[in-house]
PDB file of all heavy atoms in Angstrom:
ATOM      1  N   ILE A   1     -61.087  27.029-211.876  1.00  0.00           N
ATOM      2  CA  ILE A   1     -60.321  26.292-212.889  1.00  0.00           C
ATOM      3  C   ILE A   1     -58.845  26.671-212.866  1.00  0.00           C
ATOM      4  O   ILE A   1     -58.082  26.310-213.740  1.00  0.00           O
ATOM      5  CB  ILE A   1     -60.901  26.489-214.314  1.00  0.00           C
ATOM      6  CG1 ILE A   1     -60.956  27.963-214.705  1.00  0.00           C
ATOM      7  CG2 ILE A   1     -62.266  25.866-214.422  1.00  0.00           C
ATOM      8  CD1 ILE A   1     -61.408  28.174-216.127  1.00  0.00           C
ATOM      9  N   GLN A   2     -58.455  27.418-211.835  1.00  0.00           N
ATOM     10  CA  GLN A   2     -57.054  27.674-211.544  1.00  0.00           C
ATOM     11  C   GLN A   2     -56.278  28.178-212.772  1.00  0.00           C
ATOM     12  O   GLN A   2     -55.291  27.587-213.209  1.00  0.00           O
ATOM     13  CB  GLN A   2     -56.403  26.418-210.961  1.00  0.00           C
ATOM     14  CG  GLN A   2     -57.142  25.924-209.731  1.00  0.00           C
ATOM     15  CD  GLN A   2     -56.346  24.879-208.978  1.00  0.00           C
ATOM     16  OE1 GLN A   2     -55.129  24.800-209.101  1.00  0.00           O
ATOM     17  NE2 GLN A   2     -57.018  24.085-208.167  1.00  0.00           N
ATOM     18  N   ASN A   3     -56.770  29.274-213.327  1.00  0.00           N
ATOM     19  CA  ASN A   3     -56.070  29.915-214.448  1.00  0.00           C
ATOM     20  C   ASN A   3     -55.849  28.974-215.626  1.00  0.00           C
ATOM     21  O   ASN A   3     -54.752  28.786-216.119  1.00  0.00           O
ATOM     22  CB  ASN A   3     -54.729  30.480-213.989  1.00  0.00           C
ATOM     23  CG  ASN A   3     -54.906  31.605-212.992  1.00  0.00           C
ATOM     24  OD1 ASN A   3     -55.811  32.429-213.136  1.00  0.00           O
ATOM     25  ND2 ASN A   3     -54.087  31.634-211.977  1.00  0.00           N
ATOM     26  N   GLU A   4     -56.939  28.380-216.087  1.00  0.00           N
ATOM     27  CA  GLU A   4     -56.874  27.385-217.157  1.00  0.00           C
ATOM     28  C   GLU A   4     -56.132  27.894-218.380  1.00  0.00           C
ATOM     29  O   GLU A   4     -55.324  27.201-218.974  1.00  0.00           O
ATOM     30  CB  GLU A   4     -58.292  26.963-217.545  1.00  0.00           C
ATOM     31  CG  GLU A   4     -58.329  26.016-218.718  1.00  0.00           C
ATOM     32  CD  GLU A   4     -59.460  26.327-219.667  1.00  0.00           C
ATOM     33  OE1 GLU A   4     -60.321  27.131-219.310  1.00  0.00           O
ATOM     34  OE2 GLU A   4     -59.449  25.755-220.767  1.00  0.00           O
ATOM     35  N   THR A   5     -56.397  29.160-218.783  1.00  0.00           N
ATOM     36  CA  THR A   5     -55.817  29.667-220.018  1.00  0.00           C
ATOM     37  C   THR A   5     -54.302  29.738-219.949  1.00  0.00           C
ATOM     38  O   THR A   5     -53.607  29.357-220.882  1.00  0.00           O
ATOM     39  CB  THR A   5     -56.369  31.066-220.330  1.00  0.00           C
ATOM     40  OG1 THR A   5     -57.771  30.979-220.494  1.00  0.00           O
ATOM     41  CG2 THR A   5     -55.763  31.615-221.601  1.00  0.00           C
ATOM     42  N   VAL A   6     -53.760  30.233-218.828  1.00  0.00           N
ATOM     43  CA  VAL A   6     -52.319  30.441-218.778  1.00  0.00           C
ATOM     44  C   VAL A   6     -51.564  29.202-218.346  1.00  0.00           C
ATOM     45  O   VAL A   6     -50.369  29.093-218.566  1.00  0.00           O
ATOM     46  CB  VAL A   6     -51.957  31.619-217.835  1.00  0.00           C
ATOM     47  CG1 VAL A   6     -52.548  32.906-218.349  1.00  0.00           C
ATOM     48  CG2 VAL A   6     -52.423  31.358-216.421  1.00  0.00           C
ATOM     49  N   SER A   7     -52.219  28.236-217.729  1.00  0.00           N
ATOM     50  CA  SER A   7     -51.455  27.119-217.195  1.00  0.00           C
ATOM     51  C   SER A   7     -50.899  26.202-218.285  1.00  0.00           C
ATOM     52  O   SER A   7     -49.837  25.624-218.097  1.00  0.00           O
ATOM     53  CB  SER A   7     -52.276  26.314-216.182  1.00  0.00           C
ATOM     54  OG  SER A   7     -53.440  25.796-216.733  1.00  0.00           O
ATOM     55  N   SER A   8     -51.569  26.080-219.416  1.00  0.00           N
ATOM     56  CA  SER A   8     -50.976  25.300-220.516  1.00  0.00           C
ATOM     57  C   SER A   8     -49.681  25.955-220.976  1.00  0.00           C
ATOM     58  O   SER A   8     -48.684  25.279-221.253  1.00  0.00           O
ATOM     59  CB  SER A   8     -51.961  25.200-221.697  1.00  0.00           C
ATOM     60  OG  SER A   8     -52.967  24.268-221.433  1.00  0.00           O
ATOM     61  N   THR A   9     -49.683  27.281-221.021  1.00  0.00           N
ATOM     62  CA  THR A   9     -48.471  28.014-221.382  1.00  0.00           C
ATOM     63  C   THR A   9     -47.395  27.809-220.327  1.00  0.00           C
ATOM     64  O   THR A   9     -46.218  27.604-220.647  1.00  0.00           O
ATOM     65  CB  THR A   9     -48.791  29.517-221.523  1.00  0.00           C
ATOM     66  OG1 THR A   9     -49.802  29.683-222.511  1.00  0.00           O
ATOM     67  CG2 THR A   9     -47.552  30.297-221.927  1.00  0.00           C
ATOM     68  N   LYS A  10     -47.780  27.842-219.055  1.00  0.00           N
ATOM     69  CA  LYS A  10     -46.811  27.634-217.978  1.00  0.00           C
ATOM     70  C   LYS A  10     -46.234  26.222-218.032  1.00  0.00           C
ATOM     71  O   LYS A  10     -45.043  26.014-217.781  1.00  0.00           O
ATOM     72  CB  LYS A  10     -47.482  27.859-216.624  1.00  0.00           C
ATOM     73  CG  LYS A  10     -47.767  29.315-216.296  1.00  0.00           C
ATOM     74  CD  LYS A  10     -48.406  29.422-214.925  1.00  0.00           C
ATOM     75  CE  LYS A  10     -48.671  30.867-214.544  1.00  0.00           C
ATOM     76  NZ  LYS A  10     -49.330  30.971-213.214  1.00  0.00           N
ATOM     77  N   ILE A  11     -47.073  25.253-218.347  1.00  0.00           N
ATOM     78  CA  ILE A  11     -46.606  23.869-218.428  1.00  0.00           C
ATOM     79  C   ILE A  11     -45.601  23.726-219.561  1.00  0.00           C
ATOM     80  O   ILE A  11     -44.546  23.107-219.403  1.00  0.00           O
ATOM     81  CB  ILE A  11     -47.785  22.903-218.625  1.00  0.00           C
ATOM     82  CG1 ILE A  11     -48.691  22.899-217.393  1.00  0.00           C
ATOM     83  CG2 ILE A  11     -47.283  21.483-218.898  1.00  0.00           C
ATOM     84  CD1 ILE A  11     -50.060  22.308-217.634  1.00  0.00           C
ATOM     85  N   ARG A  12     -45.918  24.296-220.714  1.00  0.00           N
ATOM     86  CA  ARG A  12     -44.988  24.217-221.847  1.00  0.00           C
ATOM     87  C   ARG A  12     -43.656  24.871-221.492  1.00  0.00           C
ATOM     88  O   ARG A  12     -42.587  24.359-221.833  1.00  0.00           O
ATOM     89  CB  ARG A  12     -45.599  24.883-223.084  1.00  0.00           C
ATOM     90  CG  ARG A  12     -46.805  24.147-223.643  1.00  0.00           C
ATOM     91  CD  ARG A  12     -47.282  24.768-224.953  1.00  0.00           C
ATOM     92  NE  ARG A  12     -48.621  24.294-225.267  1.00  0.00           N
ATOM     93  CZ  ARG A  12     -49.700  25.059-225.292  1.00  0.00           C
ATOM     94  NH1 ARG A  12     -49.591  26.362-225.058  1.00  0.00           N
ATOM     95  NH2 ARG A  12     -50.875  24.547-225.576  1.00  0.00           N
ATOM     96  N   LYS A  13     -43.717  26.015-220.807  1.00  0.00           N
ATOM     97  CA  LYS A  13     -42.490  26.705-220.399  1.00  0.00           C
ATOM     98  C   LYS A  13     -41.679  25.834-219.447  1.00  0.00           C
ATOM     99  O   LYS A  13     -40.454  25.706-219.602  1.00  0.00           O
ATOM    100  CB  LYS A  13     -42.842  28.035-219.724  1.00  0.00           C
ATOM    101  CG  LYS A  13     -41.635  28.883-219.327  1.00  0.00           C
ATOM    102  CD  LYS A  13     -42.076  30.227-218.777  1.00  0.00           C
ATOM    103  CE  LYS A  13     -40.870  31.133-218.485  1.00  0.00           C
ATOM    104  NZ  LYS A  13     -40.032  30.603-217.391  1.00  0.00           N
ATOM    105  N   ALA A  14     -42.347  25.221-218.479  1.00  0.00           N
ATOM    106  CA  ALA A  14     -41.640  24.359-217.534  1.00  0.00           C
ATOM    107  C   ALA A  14     -40.993  23.177-218.253  1.00  0.00           C
ATOM    108  O   ALA A  14     -39.848  22.801-217.960  1.00  0.00           O
ATOM    109  CB  ALA A  14     -42.607  23.870-216.456  1.00  0.00           C
ATOM    110  N   LEU A  15     -41.707  22.582-219.207  1.00  0.00           N
ATOM    111  CA  LEU A  15     -41.159  21.460-219.953  1.00  0.00           C
ATOM    112  C   LEU A  15     -39.975  21.892-220.817  1.00  0.00           C
ATOM    113  O   LEU A  15     -38.968  21.178-220.908  1.00  0.00           O
ATOM    114  CB  LEU A  15     -42.244  20.820-220.818  1.00  0.00           C
ATOM    115  CG  LEU A  15     -43.337  20.058-220.057  1.00  0.00           C
ATOM    116  CD1 LEU A  15     -44.451  19.641-221.015  1.00  0.00           C
ATOM    117  CD2 LEU A  15     -42.758  18.836-219.346  1.00  0.00           C
ATOM    118  N   HIS A  16     -40.090  23.055-221.450  1.00  0.00           N
ATOM    119  CA  HIS A  16     -38.975  23.567-222.257  1.00  0.00           C
ATOM    120  C   HIS A  16     -37.721  23.755-221.403  1.00  0.00           C
ATOM    121  O   HIS A  16     -36.594  23.610-221.883  1.00  0.00           O
ATOM    122  CB  HIS A  16     -39.357  24.896-222.904  1.00  0.00           C
ATOM    123  CG  HIS A  16     -40.102  24.752-224.198  1.00  0.00           C
ATOM    124  ND1 HIS A  16     -39.568  24.145-225.308  1.00  0.00           N
ATOM    125  CD2 HIS A  16     -41.355  25.149-224.561  1.00  0.00           C
ATOM    126  CE1 HIS A  16     -40.444  24.167-226.302  1.00  0.00           C
ATOM    127  NE2 HIS A  16     -41.534  24.760-225.872  1.00  0.00           N
ATOM    128  N   GLU A  17     -37.931  24.080-220.126  1.00  0.00           N
ATOM    129  CA  GLU A  17     -36.809  24.315-219.212  1.00  0.00           C
ATOM    130  C   GLU A  17     -36.359  23.043-218.508  1.00  0.00           C
ATOM    131  O   GLU A  17     -35.406  23.070-217.724  1.00  0.00           O
ATOM    132  CB  GLU A  17     -37.207  25.372-218.180  1.00  0.00           C
ATOM    133  CG  GLU A  17     -37.453  26.749-218.797  1.00  0.00           C
ATOM    134  CD  GLU A  17     -38.048  27.739-217.814  1.00  0.00           C
ATOM    135  OE1 GLU A  17     -38.430  27.319-216.692  1.00  0.00           O
ATOM    136  OE2 GLU A  17     -38.127  28.936-218.149  1.00  0.00           O
ATOM    137  N   GLY A  18     -37.047  21.941-218.751  1.00  0.00           N
ATOM    138  CA  GLY A  18     -36.690  20.689-218.102  1.00  0.00           C
ATOM    139  C   GLY A  18     -37.166  20.583-216.664  1.00  0.00           C
ATOM    140  O   GLY A  18     -36.758  19.669-215.931  1.00  0.00           O
ATOM    141  N   ASP A  19     -38.039  21.479-216.249  1.00  0.00           N
ATOM    142  CA  ASP A  19     -38.558  21.457-214.878  1.00  0.00           C
ATOM    143  C   ASP A  19     -39.779  20.535-214.828  1.00  0.00           C
ATOM    144  O   ASP A  19     -40.928  20.981-214.827  1.00  0.00           O
ATOM    145  CB  ASP A  19     -38.919  22.871-214.416  1.00  0.00           C
ATOM    146  CG  ASP A  19     -39.140  22.953-212.910  1.00  0.00           C
ATOM    147  OD1 ASP A  19     -39.393  21.895-212.289  1.00  0.00           O
ATOM    148  OD2 ASP A  19     -39.054  24.071-212.358  1.00  0.00           O
ATOM    149  N   ILE A  20     -39.509  19.249-214.807  1.00  0.00           N
ATOM    150  CA  ILE A  20     -40.568  18.248-214.867  1.00  0.00           C
ATOM    151  C   ILE A  20     -41.481  18.316-213.647  1.00  0.00           C
ATOM    152  O   ILE A  20     -42.703  18.168-213.763  1.00  0.00           O
ATOM    153  CB  ILE A  20     -39.956  16.833-214.987  1.00  0.00           C
ATOM    154  CG1 ILE A  20     -39.090  16.732-216.251  1.00  0.00           C
ATOM    155  CG2 ILE A  20     -41.045  15.771-214.990  1.00  0.00           C
ATOM    156  CD1 ILE A  20     -39.837  16.949-217.550  1.00  0.00           C
ATOM    157  N   GLN A  21     -40.904  18.537-212.484  1.00  0.00           N
ATOM    158  CA  GLN A  21     -41.709  18.555-211.265  1.00  0.00           C
ATOM    159  C   GLN A  21     -42.715  19.696-211.270  1.00  0.00           C
ATOM    160  O   GLN A  21     -43.858  19.530-210.839  1.00  0.00           O
ATOM    161  CB  GLN A  21     -40.801  18.617-210.041  1.00  0.00           C
ATOM    162  CG  GLN A  21     -40.007  17.320-209.828  1.00  0.00           C
ATOM    163  CD  GLN A  21     -38.936  17.458-208.788  1.00  0.00           C
ATOM    164  OE1 GLN A  21     -38.013  18.264-208.935  1.00  0.00           O
ATOM    165  NE2 GLN A  21     -39.031  16.680-207.729  1.00  0.00           N
ATOM    166  N   LYS A  22     -42.298  20.855-211.759  1.00  0.00           N
ATOM    167  CA  LYS A  22     -43.236  21.974-211.843  1.00  0.00           C
ATOM    168  C   LYS A  22     -44.334  21.672-212.859  1.00  0.00           C
ATOM    169  O   LYS A  22     -45.517  21.915-212.609  1.00  0.00           O
ATOM    170  CB  LYS A  22     -42.511  23.267-212.239  1.00  0.00           C
ATOM    171  CG  LYS A  22     -43.442  24.468-212.353  1.00  0.00           C
ATOM    172  CD  LYS A  22     -42.710  25.723-212.831  1.00  0.00           C
ATOM    173  CE  LYS A  22     -41.856  26.295-211.739  1.00  0.00           C
ATOM    174  NZ  LYS A  22     -41.277  27.625-212.136  1.00  0.00           N
ATOM    175  N   ALA A  23     -43.948  21.126-214.007  1.00  0.00           N
ATOM    176  CA  ALA A  23     -44.938  20.781-215.030  1.00  0.00           C
ATOM    177  C   ALA A  23     -45.936  19.764-214.484  1.00  0.00           C
ATOM    178  O   ALA A  23     -47.152  19.888-214.692  1.00  0.00           O
ATOM    179  CB  ALA A  23     -44.238  20.223-216.276  1.00  0.00           C
ATOM    180  N   ASN A  24     -45.440  18.758-213.777  1.00  0.00           N
ATOM    181  CA  ASN A  24     -46.324  17.735-213.221  1.00  0.00           C
ATOM    182  C   ASN A  24     -47.280  18.312-212.188  1.00  0.00           C
ATOM    183  O   ASN A  24     -48.429  17.856-212.074  1.00  0.00           O
ATOM    184  CB  ASN A  24     -45.496  16.611-212.590  1.00  0.00           C
ATOM    185  CG  ASN A  24     -44.783  15.757-213.620  1.00  0.00           C
ATOM    186  OD1 ASN A  24     -45.064  15.841-214.815  1.00  0.00           O
ATOM    187  ND2 ASN A  24     -43.855  14.922-213.168  1.00  0.00           N
ATOM    188  N   ALA A  25     -46.817  19.303-211.441  1.00  0.00           N
ATOM    189  CA  ALA A  25     -47.690  19.931-210.439  1.00  0.00           C
ATOM    190  C   ALA A  25     -48.845  20.656-211.124  1.00  0.00           C
ATOM    191  O   ALA A  25     -49.998  20.579-210.670  1.00  0.00           O
ATOM    192  CB  ALA A  25     -46.888  20.909-209.585  1.00  0.00           C
ATOM    193  N   TYR A  26     -48.564  21.360-212.218  1.00  0.00           N
ATOM    194  CA  TYR A  26     -49.628  22.035-212.976  1.00  0.00           C
ATOM    195  C   TYR A  26     -50.568  21.021-213.627  1.00  0.00           C
ATOM    196  O   TYR A  26     -51.782  21.218-213.687  1.00  0.00           O
ATOM    197  CB  TYR A  26     -49.034  22.928-214.058  1.00  0.00           C
ATOM    198  CG  TYR A  26     -48.451  24.232-213.568  1.00  0.00           C
ATOM    199  CD1 TYR A  26     -47.148  24.589-213.882  1.00  0.00           C
ATOM    200  CD2 TYR A  26     -49.212  25.114-212.802  1.00  0.00           C
ATOM    201  CE1 TYR A  26     -46.603  25.785-213.445  1.00  0.00           C
ATOM    202  CE2 TYR A  26     -48.674  26.311-212.367  1.00  0.00           C
ATOM    203  CZ  TYR A  26     -47.372  26.645-212.689  1.00  0.00           C
ATOM    204  OH  TYR A  26     -46.848  27.831-212.257  1.00  0.00           O
ATOM    205  N   LEU A  27     -49.988  19.944-214.141  1.00  0.00           N
ATOM    206  CA  LEU A  27     -50.789  18.947-214.836  1.00  0.00           C
ATOM    207  C   LEU A  27     -51.686  18.163-213.878  1.00  0.00           C
ATOM    208  O   LEU A  27     -52.762  17.700-214.246  1.00  0.00           O
ATOM    209  CB  LEU A  27     -49.883  17.951-215.573  1.00  0.00           C
ATOM    210  CG  LEU A  27     -49.185  18.455-216.835  1.00  0.00           C
ATOM    211  CD1 LEU A  27     -48.089  17.483-217.250  1.00  0.00           C
ATOM    212  CD2 LEU A  27     -50.184  18.643-217.975  1.00  0.00           C
ATOM    213  N   ASP A  28     -51.204  17.985-212.650  1.00  0.00           N
ATOM    214  CA  ASP A  28     -51.864  17.105-211.676  1.00  0.00           C
ATOM    215  C   ASP A  28     -51.718  15.642-212.090  1.00  0.00           C
ATOM    216  O   ASP A  28     -52.485  14.791-211.682  1.00  0.00           O
ATOM    217  CB  ASP A  28     -53.340  17.475-211.499  1.00  0.00           C
ATOM    218  CG  ASP A  28     -53.957  16.848-210.263  1.00  0.00           C
ATOM    219  OD1 ASP A  28     -53.244  16.731-209.260  1.00  0.00           O
ATOM    220  OD2 ASP A  28     -55.144  16.470-210.301  1.00  0.00           O
ATOM    221  N   HIS A  29     -50.748  15.369-212.929  1.00  0.00           N
ATOM    222  CA  HIS A  29     -50.325  14.019-213.278  1.00  0.00           C
ATOM    223  C   HIS A  29     -48.958  14.135-213.939  1.00  0.00           C
ATOM    224  O   HIS A  29     -48.503  15.243-214.211  1.00  0.00           O
ATOM    225  CB  HIS A  29     -51.321  13.321-214.224  1.00  0.00           C
ATOM    226  CG  HIS A  29     -51.526  14.028-215.525  1.00  0.00           C
ATOM    227  ND1 HIS A  29     -52.642  14.787-215.811  1.00  0.00           N
ATOM    228  CD2 HIS A  29     -50.750  14.121-216.638  1.00  0.00           C
ATOM    229  CE1 HIS A  29     -52.549  15.299-217.018  1.00  0.00           C
ATOM    230  NE2 HIS A  29     -51.411  14.904-217.545  1.00  0.00           N
ATOM    231  N   GLN A  30     -48.316  13.022-214.182  1.00  0.00           N
ATOM    232  CA  GLN A  30     -46.997  13.076-214.800  1.00  0.00           C
ATOM    233  C   GLN A  30     -47.086  13.376-216.298  1.00  0.00           C
ATOM    234  O   GLN A  30     -47.996  12.903-216.979  1.00  0.00           O
ATOM    235  CB  GLN A  30     -46.264  11.745-214.587  1.00  0.00           C
ATOM    236  CG  GLN A  30     -45.418  11.704-213.341  1.00  0.00           C
ATOM    237  CD  GLN A  30     -45.838  10.578-212.415  1.00  0.00           C
ATOM    238  OE1 GLN A  30     -46.682   9.762-212.750  1.00  0.00           O
ATOM    239  NE2 GLN A  30     -45.263  10.539-211.227  1.00  0.00           N
ATOM    240  N   TYR A  31     -46.131  14.166-216.769  1.00  0.00           N
ATOM    241  CA  TYR A  31     -45.953  14.345-218.207  1.00  0.00           C
ATOM    242  C   TYR A  31     -45.649  12.978-218.818  1.00  0.00           C
ATOM    243  O   TYR A  31     -44.869  12.197-218.259  1.00  0.00           O
ATOM    244  CB  TYR A  31     -44.805  15.319-218.465  1.00  0.00           C
ATOM    245  CG  TYR A  31     -44.292  15.328-219.895  1.00  0.00           C
ATOM    246  CD1 TYR A  31     -44.948  16.049-220.885  1.00  0.00           C
ATOM    247  CD2 TYR A  31     -43.150  14.612-220.239  1.00  0.00           C
ATOM    248  CE1 TYR A  31     -44.477  16.046-222.193  1.00  0.00           C
ATOM    249  CE2 TYR A  31     -42.671  14.605-221.537  1.00  0.00           C
ATOM    250  CZ  TYR A  31     -43.341  15.322-222.511  1.00  0.00           C
ATOM    251  OH  TYR A  31     -42.878  15.309-223.796  1.00  0.00           O
ATOM    252  N   ILE A  32     -46.282  12.685-219.939  1.00  0.00           N
ATOM    253  CA  ILE A  32     -46.141  11.348-220.523  1.00  0.00           C
ATOM    254  C   ILE A  32     -45.731  11.399-221.990  1.00  0.00           C
ATOM    255  O   ILE A  32     -45.927  12.411-222.677  1.00  0.00           O
ATOM    256  CB  ILE A  32     -47.450  10.526-220.418  1.00  0.00           C
ATOM    257  CG1 ILE A  32     -48.593  11.218-221.186  1.00  0.00           C
ATOM    258  CG2 ILE A  32     -47.813  10.272-218.963  1.00  0.00           C
ATOM    259  CD1 ILE A  32     -49.863  10.366-221.303  1.00  0.00           C
TER     260      ILE A  32
END
């Protein structure tokens, strides 16, 4: 499950920083 617990936190951090591409890679789809 590829670090399910921490990846939501990583996604939020990437979004807070405006790093959309990194967030999308973790999500496996585009942020919407």
